[in-house]
Amino acid sequence: MFIATLIVSIFLAVALTVSAVGKLTKMPAVIESMNTVGVPAHRIPTLAYLEIAGAIGLVIGLFWWPIGVAAAIGVILYFVGAVIAHLRVKDVAGVGPAAFLAVLSIAALVLRLLTA
């Protein structure tokens, strides 16, 4: 079971890091998506730092489970917020990736709790 926890946590941490880099380097597709859902430009770095914190927490959580649980909960909340933001503006294309990562975050939490 720990192998599944490891794979899901690392995959999610990489996805969070890639997303954060896109926000911090102001990749046009990422900025366009943020503008679509109405995120003010000055808040985008904050979202990137939250993603980085989640990624770090997931990795540290592989060694100390309470941090992994806390990180997974935070990442779940982050992506549920992303899904809501996309639904609010009827951005159907943006809902899929956010929902996938929300489900993956839930899987990370469940797996981390099962291997604690």
PDB file of N, CA and C in Angstrom:
ATOM      1  N   MET A   1       0.820  -1.193   0.000  1.00  0.00           N
ATOM      2  CA  MET A   1       0.000   0.000   0.000  1.00  0.00           C
ATOM      3  C   MET A   1       0.866   1.260   0.000  1.00  0.00           C
ATOM      4  N   PHE A   2       2.023   1.180   0.658  1.00  0.00           N
ATOM      5  CA  PHE A   2       2.879   2.363   0.697  1.00  0.00           C
ATOM      6  C   PHE A   2       3.396   2.722  -0.694  1.00  0.00           C
ATOM      7  N   ILE A   3       3.587   1.732  -1.564  1.00  0.00           N
ATOM      8  CA  ILE A   3       4.050   2.010  -2.931  1.00  0.00           C
ATOM      9  C   ILE A   3       3.014   2.880  -3.654  1.00  0.00           C
ATOM     10  N   ALA A   4       1.731   2.575  -3.477  1.00  0.00           N
ATOM     11  CA  ALA A   4       0.670   3.382  -4.089  1.00  0.00           C
ATOM     12  C   ALA A   4       0.693   4.800  -3.523  1.00  0.00           C
ATOM     13  N   THR A   5       0.884   4.912  -2.216  1.00  0.00           N
ATOM     14  CA  THR A   5       0.981   6.234  -1.577  1.00  0.00           C
ATOM     15  C   THR A   5       2.153   7.011  -2.157  1.00  0.00           C
ATOM     16  N   LEU A   6       3.271   6.353  -2.312  1.00  0.00           N
ATOM     17  CA  LEU A   6       4.467   6.978  -2.867  1.00  0.00           C
ATOM     18  C   LEU A   6       4.211   7.480  -4.289  1.00  0.00           C
ATOM     19  N   ILE A   7       3.641   6.640  -5.119  1.00  0.00           N
ATOM     20  CA  ILE A   7       3.411   7.002  -6.523  1.00  0.00           C
ATOM     21  C   ILE A   7       2.425   8.170  -6.638  1.00  0.00           C
ATOM     22  N   VAL A   8       1.311   8.078  -5.937  1.00  0.00           N
ATOM     23  CA  VAL A   8       0.302   9.139  -6.021  1.00  0.00           C
ATOM     24  C   VAL A   8       0.847  10.445  -5.459  1.00  0.00           C
ATOM     25  N   SER A   9       1.537  10.383  -4.327  1.00  0.00           N
ATOM     26  CA  SER A   9       2.069  11.597  -3.706  1.00  0.00           C
ATOM     27  C   SER A   9       3.117  12.267  -4.579  1.00  0.00           C
ATOM     28  N   ILE A  10       4.010  11.479  -5.147  1.00  0.00           N
ATOM     29  CA  ILE A  10       5.055  12.047  -6.007  1.00  0.00           C
ATOM     30  C   ILE A  10       4.442  12.617  -7.282  1.00  0.00           C
ATOM     31  N   PHE A  11       3.518  11.886  -7.907  1.00  0.00           N
ATOM     32  CA  PHE A  11       2.860  12.392  -9.116  1.00  0.00           C
ATOM     33  C   PHE A  11       2.168  13.718  -8.831  1.00  0.00           C
ATOM     34  N   LEU A  12       1.435  13.787  -7.720  1.00  0.00           N
ATOM     35  CA  LEU A  12       0.721  15.002  -7.354  1.00  0.00           C
ATOM     36  C   LEU A  12       1.695  16.135  -7.035  1.00  0.00           C
ATOM     37  N   ALA A  13       2.790  15.827  -6.335  1.00  0.00           N
ATOM     38  CA  ALA A  13       3.794  16.854  -6.026  1.00  0.00           C
ATOM     39  C   ALA A  13       4.420  17.418  -7.300  1.00  0.00           C
ATOM     40  N   VAL A  14       4.682  16.550  -8.266  1.00  0.00           N
ATOM     41  CA  VAL A  14       5.241  17.014  -9.549  1.00  0.00           C
ATOM     42  C   VAL A  14       4.222  17.891 -10.276  1.00  0.00           C
ATOM     43  N   ALA A  15       2.962  17.470 -10.302  1.00  0.00           N
ATOM     44  CA  ALA A  15       1.916  18.258 -10.960  1.00  0.00           C
ATOM     45  C   ALA A  15       1.775  19.636 -10.305  1.00  0.00           C
ATOM     46  N   LEU A  16       1.823  19.667  -8.984  1.00  0.00           N
ATOM     47  CA  LEU A  16       1.746  20.945  -8.269  1.00  0.00           C
ATOM     48  C   LEU A  16       2.940  21.835  -8.594  1.00  0.00           C
ATOM     49  N   THR A  17       4.112  21.250  -8.666  1.00  0.00           N
ATOM     50  CA  THR A  17       5.321  22.018  -8.967  1.00  0.00           C
ATOM     51  C   THR A  17       5.273  22.586 -10.382  1.00  0.00           C
ATOM     52  N   VAL A  18       4.864  21.757 -11.328  1.00  0.00           N
ATOM     53  CA  VAL A  18       4.758  22.225 -12.718  1.00  0.00           C
ATOM     54  C   VAL A  18       3.743  23.362 -12.815  1.00  0.00           C
ATOM     55  N   SER A  19       2.619  23.211 -12.139  1.00  0.00           N
ATOM     56  CA  SER A  19       1.601  24.263 -12.142  1.00  0.00           C
ATOM     57  C   SER A  19       2.133  25.549 -11.517  1.00  0.00           C
ATOM     58  N   ALA A  20       2.852  25.414 -10.416  1.00  0.00           N
ATOM     59  CA  ALA A  20       3.414  26.595  -9.749  1.00  0.00           C
ATOM     60  C   ALA A  20       4.439  27.295 -10.635  1.00  0.00           C
ATOM     61  N   VAL A  21       5.269  26.527 -11.303  1.00  0.00           N
ATOM     62  CA  VAL A  21       6.271  27.123 -12.203  1.00  0.00           C
ATOM     63  C   VAL A  21       5.561  27.880 -13.327  1.00  0.00           C
ATOM     64  N   GLY A  22       4.489  27.313 -13.851  1.00  0.00           N
ATOM     65  CA  GLY A  22       3.723  27.995 -14.891  1.00  0.00           C
ATOM     66  C   GLY A  22       3.178  29.329 -14.416  1.00  0.00           C
ATOM     67  N   LYS A  23       2.726  29.363 -13.170  1.00  0.00           N
ATOM     68  CA  LYS A  23       2.210  30.613 -12.613  1.00  0.00           C
ATOM     69  C   LYS A  23       3.331  31.620 -12.367  1.00  0.00           C
ATOM     70  N   LEU A  24       4.431  31.154 -11.803  1.00  0.00           N
ATOM     71  CA  LEU A  24       5.527  32.071 -11.454  1.00  0.00           C
ATOM     72  C   LEU A  24       6.274  32.597 -12.677  1.00  0.00           C
ATOM     73  N   THR A  25       6.311  31.802 -13.753  1.00  0.00           N
ATOM     74  CA  THR A  25       6.979  32.253 -14.982  1.00  0.00           C
ATOM     75  C   THR A  25       5.997  32.929 -15.936  1.00  0.00           C
ATOM     76  N   LYS A  26       4.757  33.050 -15.494  1.00  0.00           N
ATOM     77  CA  LYS A  26       3.708  33.732 -16.262  1.00  0.00           C
ATOM     78  C   LYS A  26       3.524  33.155 -17.660  1.00  0.00           C
ATOM     79  N   MET A  27       3.429  31.821 -17.708  1.00  0.00           N
ATOM     80  CA  MET A  27       3.167  31.162 -18.984  1.00  0.00           C
ATOM     81  C   MET A  27       1.815  31.655 -19.509  1.00  0.00           C
ATOM     82  N   PRO A  28       1.751  32.021 -20.781  1.00  0.00           N
ATOM     83  CA  PRO A  28       0.521  32.610 -21.335  1.00  0.00           C
ATOM     84  C   PRO A  28      -0.733  31.759 -21.114  1.00  0.00           C
ATOM     85  N   ALA A  29      -0.654  30.457 -21.306  1.00  0.00           N
ATOM     86  CA  ALA A  29      -1.836  29.602 -21.131  1.00  0.00           C
ATOM     87  C   ALA A  29      -2.312  29.616 -19.679  1.00  0.00           C
ATOM     88  N   VAL A  30      -1.376  29.644 -18.752  1.00  0.00           N
ATOM     89  CA  VAL A  30      -1.724  29.648 -17.327  1.00  0.00           C
ATOM     90  C   VAL A  30      -2.348  30.986 -16.946  1.00  0.00           C
ATOM     91  N   ILE A  31      -1.735  32.061 -17.398  1.00  0.00           N
ATOM     92  CA  ILE A  31      -2.256  33.397 -17.081  1.00  0.00           C
ATOM     93  C   ILE A  31      -3.643  33.585 -17.703  1.00  0.00           C
ATOM     94  N   GLU A  32      -3.834  33.070 -18.915  1.00  0.00           N
ATOM     95  CA  GLU A  32      -5.143  33.155 -19.567  1.00  0.00           C
ATOM     96  C   GLU A  32      -6.203  32.408 -18.753  1.00  0.00           C
ATOM     97  N   SER A  33      -5.848  31.232 -18.249  1.00  0.00           N
ATOM     98  CA  SER A  33      -6.769  30.454 -17.420  1.00  0.00           C
ATOM     99  C   SER A  33      -7.092  31.199 -16.128  1.00  0.00           C
ATOM    100  N   MET A  34      -6.094  31.801 -15.524  1.00  0.00           N
ATOM    101  CA  MET A  34      -6.311  32.560 -14.291  1.00  0.00           C
ATOM    102  C   MET A  34      -7.216  33.763 -14.557  1.00  0.00           C
ATOM    103  N   ASN A  35      -6.996  34.439 -15.688  1.00  0.00           N
ATOM    104  CA  ASN A  35      -7.840  35.577 -16.053  1.00  0.00           C
ATOM    105  C   ASN A  35      -9.276  35.133 -16.312  1.00  0.00           C
ATOM    106  N   THR A  36      -9.432  33.964 -16.930  1.00  0.00           N
ATOM    107  CA  THR A  36     -10.770  33.446 -17.234  1.00  0.00           C
ATOM    108  C   THR A  36     -11.599  33.266 -15.978  1.00  0.00           C
ATOM    109  N   VAL A  37     -10.980  32.763 -14.926  1.00  0.00           N
ATOM    110  CA  VAL A  37     -11.731  32.531 -13.680  1.00  0.00           C
ATOM    111  C   VAL A  37     -11.740  33.747 -12.763  1.00  0.00           C
ATOM    112  N   GLY A  38     -11.076  34.814 -13.171  1.00  0.00           N
ATOM    113  CA  GLY A  38     -11.136  36.061 -12.421  1.00  0.00           C
ATOM    114  C   GLY A  38     -10.137  36.210 -11.298  1.00  0.00           C
ATOM    115  N   VAL A  39      -9.017  35.502 -11.377  1.00  0.00           N
ATOM    116  CA  VAL A  39      -7.985  35.645 -10.342  1.00  0.00           C
ATOM    117  C   VAL A  39      -7.206  36.933 -10.615  1.00  0.00           C
ATOM    118  N   PRO A  40      -7.146  37.841  -9.649  1.00  0.00           N
ATOM    119  CA  PRO A  40      -6.364  39.057  -9.846  1.00  0.00           C
ATOM    120  C   PRO A  40      -4.877  38.712 -10.030  1.00  0.00           C
ATOM    121  N   ALA A  41      -4.199  39.462 -10.882  1.00  0.00           N
ATOM    122  CA  ALA A  41      -2.795  39.181 -11.212  1.00  0.00           C
ATOM    123  C   ALA A  41      -1.911  39.141  -9.966  1.00  0.00           C
ATOM    124  N   HIS A  42      -2.180  39.985  -8.990  1.00  0.00           N
ATOM    125  CA  HIS A  42      -1.323  40.024  -7.802  1.00  0.00           C
ATOM    126  C   HIS A  42      -1.534  38.808  -6.882  1.00  0.00           C
ATOM    127  N   ARG A  43      -2.577  38.002  -7.131  1.00  0.00           N
ATOM    128  CA  ARG A  43      -2.833  36.809  -6.324  1.00  0.00           C
ATOM    129  C   ARG A  43      -2.227  35.542  -6.927  1.00  0.00           C
ATOM    130  N   ILE A  44      -1.829  35.600  -8.177  1.00  0.00           N
ATOM    131  CA  ILE A  44      -1.306  34.409  -8.852  1.00  0.00           C
ATOM    132  C   ILE A  44      -0.054  33.860  -8.160  1.00  0.00           C
ATOM    133  N   PRO A  45       0.917  34.696  -7.772  1.00  0.00           N
ATOM    134  CA  PRO A  45       2.071  34.131  -7.053  1.00  0.00           C
ATOM    135  C   PRO A  45       1.682  33.440  -5.745  1.00  0.00           C
ATOM    136  N   THR A  46       0.677  33.961  -5.056  1.00  0.00           N
ATOM    137  CA  THR A  46       0.224  33.334  -3.816  1.00  0.00           C
ATOM    138  C   THR A  46      -0.280  31.919  -4.082  1.00  0.00           C
ATOM    139  N   LEU A  47      -1.039  31.757  -5.163  1.00  0.00           N
ATOM    140  CA  LEU A  47      -1.516  30.426  -5.528  1.00  0.00           C
ATOM    141  C   LEU A  47      -0.349  29.498  -5.841  1.00  0.00           C
ATOM    142  N   ALA A  48       0.670  30.034  -6.515  1.00  0.00           N
ATOM    143  CA  ALA A  48       1.858  29.229  -6.836  1.00  0.00           C
ATOM    144  C   ALA A  48       2.571  28.792  -5.559  1.00  0.00           C
ATOM    145  N   TYR A  49       2.689  29.692  -4.600  1.00  0.00           N
ATOM    146  CA  TYR A  49       3.370  29.341  -3.347  1.00  0.00           C
ATOM    147  C   TYR A  49       2.574  28.309  -2.550  1.00  0.00           C
ATOM    148  N   LEU A  50       1.255  28.387  -2.624  1.00  0.00           N
ATOM    149  CA  LEU A  50       0.425  27.366  -1.973  1.00  0.00           C
ATOM    150  C   LEU A  50       0.646  26.004  -2.620  1.00  0.00           C
ATOM    151  N   GLU A  51       0.772  25.981  -3.944  1.00  0.00           N
ATOM    152  CA  GLU A  51       1.042  24.719  -4.635  1.00  0.00           C
ATOM    153  C   GLU A  51       2.414  24.162  -4.244  1.00  0.00           C
ATOM    154  N   ILE A  52       3.402  25.034  -4.148  1.00  0.00           N
ATOM    155  CA  ILE A  52       4.743  24.594  -3.745  1.00  0.00           C
ATOM    156  C   ILE A  52       4.705  24.041  -2.319  1.00  0.00           C
ATOM    157  N   ALA A  53       3.996  24.723  -1.438  1.00  0.00           N
ATOM    158  CA  ALA A  53       3.873  24.244  -0.055  1.00  0.00           C
ATOM    159  C   ALA A  53       3.187  22.878  -0.019  1.00  0.00           C
ATOM    160  N   GLY A  54       2.166  22.699  -0.838  1.00  0.00           N
ATOM    161  CA  GLY A  54       1.480  21.409  -0.910  1.00  0.00           C
ATOM    162  C   GLY A  54       2.411  20.318  -1.405  1.00  0.00           C
ATOM    163  N   ALA A  55       3.197  20.624  -2.430  1.00  0.00           N
ATOM    164  CA  ALA A  55       4.139  19.636  -2.977  1.00  0.00           C
ATOM    165  C   ALA A  55       5.180  19.238  -1.937  1.00  0.00           C
ATOM    166  N   ILE A  56       5.727  20.222  -1.259  1.00  0.00           N
ATOM    167  CA  ILE A  56       6.726  19.937  -0.218  1.00  0.00           C
ATOM    168  C   ILE A  56       6.098  19.116   0.905  1.00  0.00           C
ATOM    169  N   GLY A  57       4.893  19.499   1.307  1.00  0.00           N
ATOM    170  CA  GLY A  57       4.203  18.769   2.368  1.00  0.00           C
ATOM    171  C   GLY A  57       3.915  17.325   2.001  1.00  0.00           C
ATOM    172  N   LEU A  58       3.532  17.090   0.755  1.00  0.00           N
ATOM    173  CA  LEU A  58       3.274  15.714   0.320  1.00  0.00           C
ATOM    174  C   LEU A  58       4.546  14.869   0.372  1.00  0.00           C
ATOM    175  N   VAL A  59       5.663  15.450  -0.031  1.00  0.00           N
ATOM    176  CA  VAL A  59       6.927  14.700  -0.026  1.00  0.00           C
ATOM    177  C   VAL A  59       7.390  14.458   1.412  1.00  0.00           C
ATOM    178  N   ILE A  60       7.367  15.484   2.233  1.00  0.00           N
ATOM    179  CA  ILE A  60       7.751  15.307   3.640  1.00  0.00           C
ATOM    180  C   ILE A  60       6.803  14.323   4.320  1.00  0.00           C
ATOM    181  N   GLY A  61       5.536  14.364   3.913  1.00  0.00           N
ATOM    182  CA  GLY A  61       4.528  13.475   4.479  1.00  0.00           C
ATOM    183  C   GLY A  61       4.773  12.004   4.218  1.00  0.00           C
ATOM    184  N   LEU A  62       5.622  11.700   3.262  1.00  0.00           N
ATOM    185  CA  LEU A  62       5.989  10.297   3.035  1.00  0.00           C
ATOM    186  C   LEU A  62       6.834   9.755   4.181  1.00  0.00           C
ATOM    187  N   PHE A  63       7.489  10.663   4.899  1.00  0.00           N
ATOM    188  CA  PHE A  63       8.347  10.270   6.012  1.00  0.00           C
ATOM    189  C   PHE A  63       7.689  10.526   7.368  1.00  0.00           C
ATOM    190  N   TRP A  64       6.804  11.514   7.416  1.00  0.00           N
ATOM    191  CA  TRP A  64       6.106  11.850   8.660  1.00  0.00           C
ATOM    192  C   TRP A  64       4.642  12.054   8.304  1.00  0.00           C
ATOM    193  N   TRP A  65       3.827  11.039   8.535  1.00  0.00           N
ATOM    194  CA  TRP A  65       2.468  11.003   8.015  1.00  0.00           C
ATOM    195  C   TRP A  65       1.576  12.180   8.384  1.00  0.00           C
ATOM    196  N   PRO A  66       1.673  12.792   9.578  1.00  0.00           N
ATOM    197  CA  PRO A  66       0.768  13.918   9.858  1.00  0.00           C
ATOM    198  C   PRO A  66       0.938  15.083   8.878  1.00  0.00           C
ATOM    199  N   ILE A  67       2.171  15.313   8.440  1.00  0.00           N
ATOM    200  CA  ILE A  67       2.405  16.385   7.457  1.00  0.00           C
ATOM    201  C   ILE A  67       1.768  16.011   6.126  1.00  0.00           C
ATOM    202  N   GLY A  68       1.866  14.755   5.745  1.00  0.00           N
ATOM    203  CA  GLY A  68       1.243  14.293   4.507  1.00  0.00           C
ATOM    204  C   GLY A  68      -0.262  14.439   4.526  1.00  0.00           C
ATOM    205  N   VAL A  69      -0.863  14.134   5.669  1.00  0.00           N
ATOM    206  CA  VAL A  69      -2.317  14.281   5.813  1.00  0.00           C
ATOM    207  C   VAL A  69      -2.701  15.752   5.714  1.00  0.00           C
ATOM    208  N   ALA A  70      -1.988  16.610   6.419  1.00  0.00           N
ATOM    209  CA  ALA A  70      -2.282  18.052   6.380  1.00  0.00           C
ATOM    210  C   ALA A  70      -2.104  18.610   4.965  1.00  0.00           C
ATOM    211  N   ALA A  71      -1.029  18.203   4.302  1.00  0.00           N
ATOM    212  CA  ALA A  71      -0.777  18.678   2.939  1.00  0.00           C
ATOM    213  C   ALA A  71      -1.873  18.203   1.996  1.00  0.00           C
ATOM    214  N   ALA A  72      -2.258  16.955   2.107  1.00  0.00           N
ATOM    215  CA  ALA A  72      -3.302  16.421   1.229  1.00  0.00           C
ATOM    216  C   ALA A  72      -4.623  17.160   1.446  1.00  0.00           C
ATOM    217  N   ILE A  73      -4.963  17.454   2.684  1.00  0.00           N
ATOM    218  CA  ILE A  73      -6.187  18.205   2.964  1.00  0.00           C
ATOM    219  C   ILE A  73      -6.107  19.599   2.337  1.00  0.00           C
ATOM    220  N   GLY A  74      -4.961  20.248   2.495  1.00  0.00           N
ATOM    221  CA  GLY A  74      -4.780  21.567   1.897  1.00  0.00           C
ATOM    222  C   GLY A  74      -4.896  21.536   0.385  1.00  0.00           C
ATOM    223  N   VAL A  75      -4.307  20.521  -0.243  1.00  0.00           N
ATOM    224  CA  VAL A  75      -4.355  20.404  -1.698  1.00  0.00           C
ATOM    225  C   VAL A  75      -5.787  20.086  -2.159  1.00  0.00           C
ATOM    226  N   ILE A  76      -6.509  19.271  -1.397  1.00  0.00           N
ATOM    227  CA  ILE A  76      -7.915  19.006  -1.722  1.00  0.00           C
ATOM    228  C   ILE A  76      -8.697  20.316  -1.728  1.00  0.00           C
ATOM    229  N   LEU A  77      -8.539  21.104  -0.677  1.00  0.00           N
ATOM    230  CA  LEU A  77      -9.247  22.385  -0.591  1.00  0.00           C
ATOM    231  C   LEU A  77      -8.872  23.310  -1.738  1.00  0.00           C
ATOM    232  N   TYR A  78      -7.587  23.324  -2.096  1.00  0.00           N
ATOM    233  CA  TYR A  78      -7.104  24.160  -3.204  1.00  0.00           C
ATOM    234  C   TYR A  78      -7.822  23.777  -4.501  1.00  0.00           C
ATOM    235  N   PHE A  79      -7.860  22.488  -4.803  1.00  0.00           N
ATOM    236  CA  PHE A  79      -8.449  22.069  -6.075  1.00  0.00           C
ATOM    237  C   PHE A  79      -9.970  22.084  -6.066  1.00  0.00           C
ATOM    238  N   VAL A  80     -10.604  21.890  -4.924  1.00  0.00           N
ATOM    239  CA  VAL A  80     -12.056  22.081  -4.852  1.00  0.00           C
ATOM    240  C   VAL A  80     -12.367  23.550  -5.150  1.00  0.00           C
ATOM    241  N   GLY A  81     -11.550  24.451  -4.615  1.00  0.00           N
ATOM    242  CA  GLY A  81     -11.710  25.870  -4.927  1.00  0.00           C
ATOM    243  C   GLY A  81     -11.512  26.144  -6.411  1.00  0.00           C
ATOM    244  N   ALA A  82     -10.550  25.465  -7.019  1.00  0.00           N
ATOM    245  CA  ALA A  82     -10.310  25.636  -8.457  1.00  0.00           C
ATOM    246  C   ALA A  82     -11.506  25.146  -9.272  1.00  0.00           C
ATOM    247  N   VAL A  83     -12.054  24.001  -8.894  1.00  0.00           N
ATOM    248  CA  VAL A  83     -13.235  23.468  -9.598  1.00  0.00           C
ATOM    249  C   VAL A  83     -14.390  24.469  -9.481  1.00  0.00           C
ATOM    250  N   ILE A  84     -14.622  24.971  -8.288  1.00  0.00           N
ATOM    251  CA  ILE A  84     -15.701  25.939  -8.079  1.00  0.00           C
ATOM    252  C   ILE A  84     -15.466  27.191  -8.915  1.00  0.00           C
ATOM    253  N   ALA A  85     -14.226  27.670  -8.951  1.00  0.00           N
ATOM    254  CA  ALA A  85     -13.915  28.869  -9.735  1.00  0.00           C
ATOM    255  C   ALA A  85     -14.205  28.653 -11.215  1.00  0.00           C
ATOM    256  N   HIS A  86     -13.844  27.486 -11.732  1.00  0.00           N
ATOM    257  CA  HIS A  86     -14.100  27.198 -13.150  1.00  0.00           C
ATOM    258  C   HIS A  86     -15.596  27.029 -13.422  1.00  0.00           C
ATOM    259  N   LEU A  87     -16.302  26.375 -12.523  1.00  0.00           N
ATOM    260  CA  LEU A  87     -17.744  26.199 -12.697  1.00  0.00           C
ATOM    261  C   LEU A  87     -18.483  27.531 -12.626  1.00  0.00           C
ATOM    262  N   ARG A  88     -18.025  28.391 -11.742  1.00  0.00           N
ATOM    263  CA  ARG A  88     -18.671  29.695 -11.551  1.00  0.00           C
ATOM    264  C   ARG A  88     -18.726  30.498 -12.841  1.00  0.00           C
ATOM    265  N   VAL A  89     -17.655  30.420 -13.640  1.00  0.00           N
ATOM    266  CA  VAL A  89     -17.605  31.189 -14.896  1.00  0.00           C
ATOM    267  C   VAL A  89     -17.921  30.317 -16.107  1.00  0.00           C
ATOM    268  N   LYS A  90     -18.407  29.099 -15.845  1.00  0.00           N
ATOM    269  CA  LYS A  90     -18.770  28.149 -16.901  1.00  0.00           C
ATOM    270  C   LYS A  90     -17.593  27.837 -17.840  1.00  0.00           C
ATOM    271  N   ASP A  91     -16.407  27.708 -17.253  1.00  0.00           N
ATOM    272  CA  ASP A  91     -15.201  27.336 -17.992  1.00  0.00           C
ATOM    273  C   ASP A  91     -15.086  25.814 -17.971  1.00  0.00           C
ATOM    274  N   VAL A  92     -15.815  25.176 -18.881  1.00  0.00           N
ATOM    275  CA  VAL A  92     -15.893  23.717 -18.900  1.00  0.00           C
ATOM    276  C   VAL A  92     -14.523  23.089 -19.141  1.00  0.00           C
ATOM    277  N   ALA A  93     -13.708  23.700 -19.978  1.00  0.00           N
ATOM    278  CA  ALA A  93     -12.386  23.140 -20.292  1.00  0.00           C
ATOM    279  C   ALA A  93     -11.479  23.111 -19.060  1.00  0.00           C
ATOM    280  N   GLY A  94     -11.645  24.044 -18.157  1.00  0.00           N
ATOM    281  CA  GLY A  94     -10.785  24.107 -16.978  1.00  0.00           C
ATOM    282  C   GLY A  94     -11.224  23.216 -15.836  1.00  0.00           C
ATOM    283  N   VAL A  95     -12.469  22.758 -15.881  1.00  0.00           N
ATOM    284  CA  VAL A  95     -12.986  21.940 -14.779  1.00  0.00           C
ATOM    285  C   VAL A  95     -12.301  20.575 -14.741  1.00  0.00           C
ATOM    286  N   GLY A  96     -12.085  19.976 -15.907  1.00  0.00           N
ATOM    287  CA  GLY A  96     -11.533  18.623 -15.972  1.00  0.00           C
ATOM    288  C   GLY A  96     -10.202  18.461 -15.259  1.00  0.00           C
ATOM    289  N   PRO A  97      -9.189  19.266 -15.639  1.00  0.00           N
ATOM    290  CA  PRO A  97      -7.901  19.122 -14.951  1.00  0.00           C
ATOM    291  C   PRO A  97      -7.986  19.388 -13.447  1.00  0.00           C
ATOM    292  N   ALA A  98      -8.741  20.409 -13.059  1.00  0.00           N
ATOM    293  CA  ALA A  98      -8.871  20.719 -11.634  1.00  0.00           C
ATOM    294  C   ALA A  98      -9.584  19.590 -10.893  1.00  0.00           C
ATOM    295  N   ALA A  99     -10.623  19.025 -11.511  1.00  0.00           N
ATOM    296  CA  ALA A  99     -11.349  17.922 -10.877  1.00  0.00           C
ATOM    297  C   ALA A  99     -10.473  16.677 -10.775  1.00  0.00           C
ATOM    298  N   PHE A 100      -9.701  16.397 -11.828  1.00  0.00           N
ATOM    299  CA  PHE A 100      -8.790  15.250 -11.793  1.00  0.00           C
ATOM    300  C   PHE A 100      -7.800  15.386 -10.643  1.00  0.00           C
ATOM    301  N   LEU A 101      -7.226  16.579 -10.488  1.00  0.00           N
ATOM    302  CA  LEU A 101      -6.250  16.779  -9.414  1.00  0.00           C
ATOM    303  C   LEU A 101      -6.921  16.773  -8.042  1.00  0.00           C
ATOM    304  N   ALA A 102      -8.171  17.199  -7.975  1.00  0.00           N
ATOM    305  CA  ALA A 102      -8.907  17.106  -6.702  1.00  0.00           C
ATOM    306  C   ALA A 102      -9.102  15.644  -6.314  1.00  0.00           C
ATOM    307  N   VAL A 103      -9.493  14.820  -7.280  1.00  0.00           N
ATOM    308  CA  VAL A 103      -9.681  13.390  -7.014  1.00  0.00           C
ATOM    309  C   VAL A 103      -8.353  12.740  -6.643  1.00  0.00           C
ATOM    310  N   LEU A 104      -7.288  13.116  -7.340  1.00  0.00           N
ATOM    311  CA  LEU A 104      -5.963  12.584  -7.017  1.00  0.00           C
ATOM    312  C   LEU A 104      -5.537  13.002  -5.606  1.00  0.00           C
ATOM    313  N   SER A 105      -5.886  14.206  -5.210  1.00  0.00           N
ATOM    314  CA  SER A 105      -5.574  14.679  -3.856  1.00  0.00           C
ATOM    315  C   SER A 105      -6.337  13.877  -2.806  1.00  0.00           C
ATOM    316  N   ILE A 106      -7.585  13.558  -3.112  1.00  0.00           N
ATOM    317  CA  ILE A 106      -8.375  12.721  -2.197  1.00  0.00           C
ATOM    318  C   ILE A 106      -7.738  11.342  -2.085  1.00  0.00           C
ATOM    319  N   ALA A 107      -7.283  10.812  -3.220  1.00  0.00           N
ATOM    320  CA  ALA A 107      -6.605   9.502  -3.197  1.00  0.00           C
ATOM    321  C   ALA A 107      -5.341   9.574  -2.350  1.00  0.00           C
ATOM    322  N   ALA A 108      -4.591  10.664  -2.475  1.00  0.00           N
ATOM    323  CA  ALA A 108      -3.372  10.821  -1.677  1.00  0.00           C
ATOM    324  C   ALA A 108      -3.699  10.828  -0.196  1.00  0.00           C
ATOM    325  N   LEU A 109      -4.772  11.517   0.174  1.00  0.00           N
ATOM    326  CA  LEU A 109      -5.181  11.564   1.582  1.00  0.00           C
ATOM    327  C   LEU A 109      -5.578  10.185   2.084  1.00  0.00           C
ATOM    328  N   VAL A 110      -6.420   9.505   1.329  1.00  0.00           N
ATOM    329  CA  VAL A 110      -6.893   8.173   1.760  1.00  0.00           C
ATOM    330  C   VAL A 110      -5.723   7.210   1.878  1.00  0.00           C
ATOM    331  N   LEU A 111      -4.855   7.206   0.890  1.00  0.00           N
ATOM    332  CA  LEU A 111      -3.691   6.312   0.941  1.00  0.00           C
ATOM    333  C   LEU A 111      -2.773   6.644   2.118  1.00  0.00           C
ATOM    334  N   ARG A 112      -2.571   7.922   2.354  1.00  0.00           N
ATOM    335  CA  ARG A 112      -1.690   8.326   3.472  1.00  0.00           C
ATOM    336  C   ARG A 112      -2.303   7.883   4.793  1.00  0.00           C
ATOM    337  N   LEU A 113      -3.607   7.997   4.936  1.00  0.00           N
ATOM    338  CA  LEU A 113      -4.272   7.567   6.168  1.00  0.00           C
ATOM    339  C   LEU A 113      -4.210   6.045   6.327  1.00  0.00           C
ATOM    340  N   LEU A 114      -4.312   5.323   5.232  1.00  0.00           N
ATOM    341  CA  LEU A 114      -4.260   3.858   5.302  1.00  0.00           C
ATOM    342  C   LEU A 114      -2.870   3.326   5.614  1.00  0.00           C
ATOM    343  N   THR A 115      -1.838   4.102   5.304  1.00  0.00           N
ATOM    344  CA  THR A 115      -0.474   3.646   5.545  1.00  0.00           C
ATOM    345  C   THR A 115       0.158   4.302   6.755  1.00  0.00           C
ATOM    346  N   ALA A 116      -0.636   5.046   7.522  1.00  0.00           N
ATOM    347  CA  ALA A 116      -0.090   5.754   8.701  1.00  0.00           C
ATOM    348  C   ALA A 116       0.335   4.767   9.773  1.00  0.00           C
TER     349      ALA A 116
END
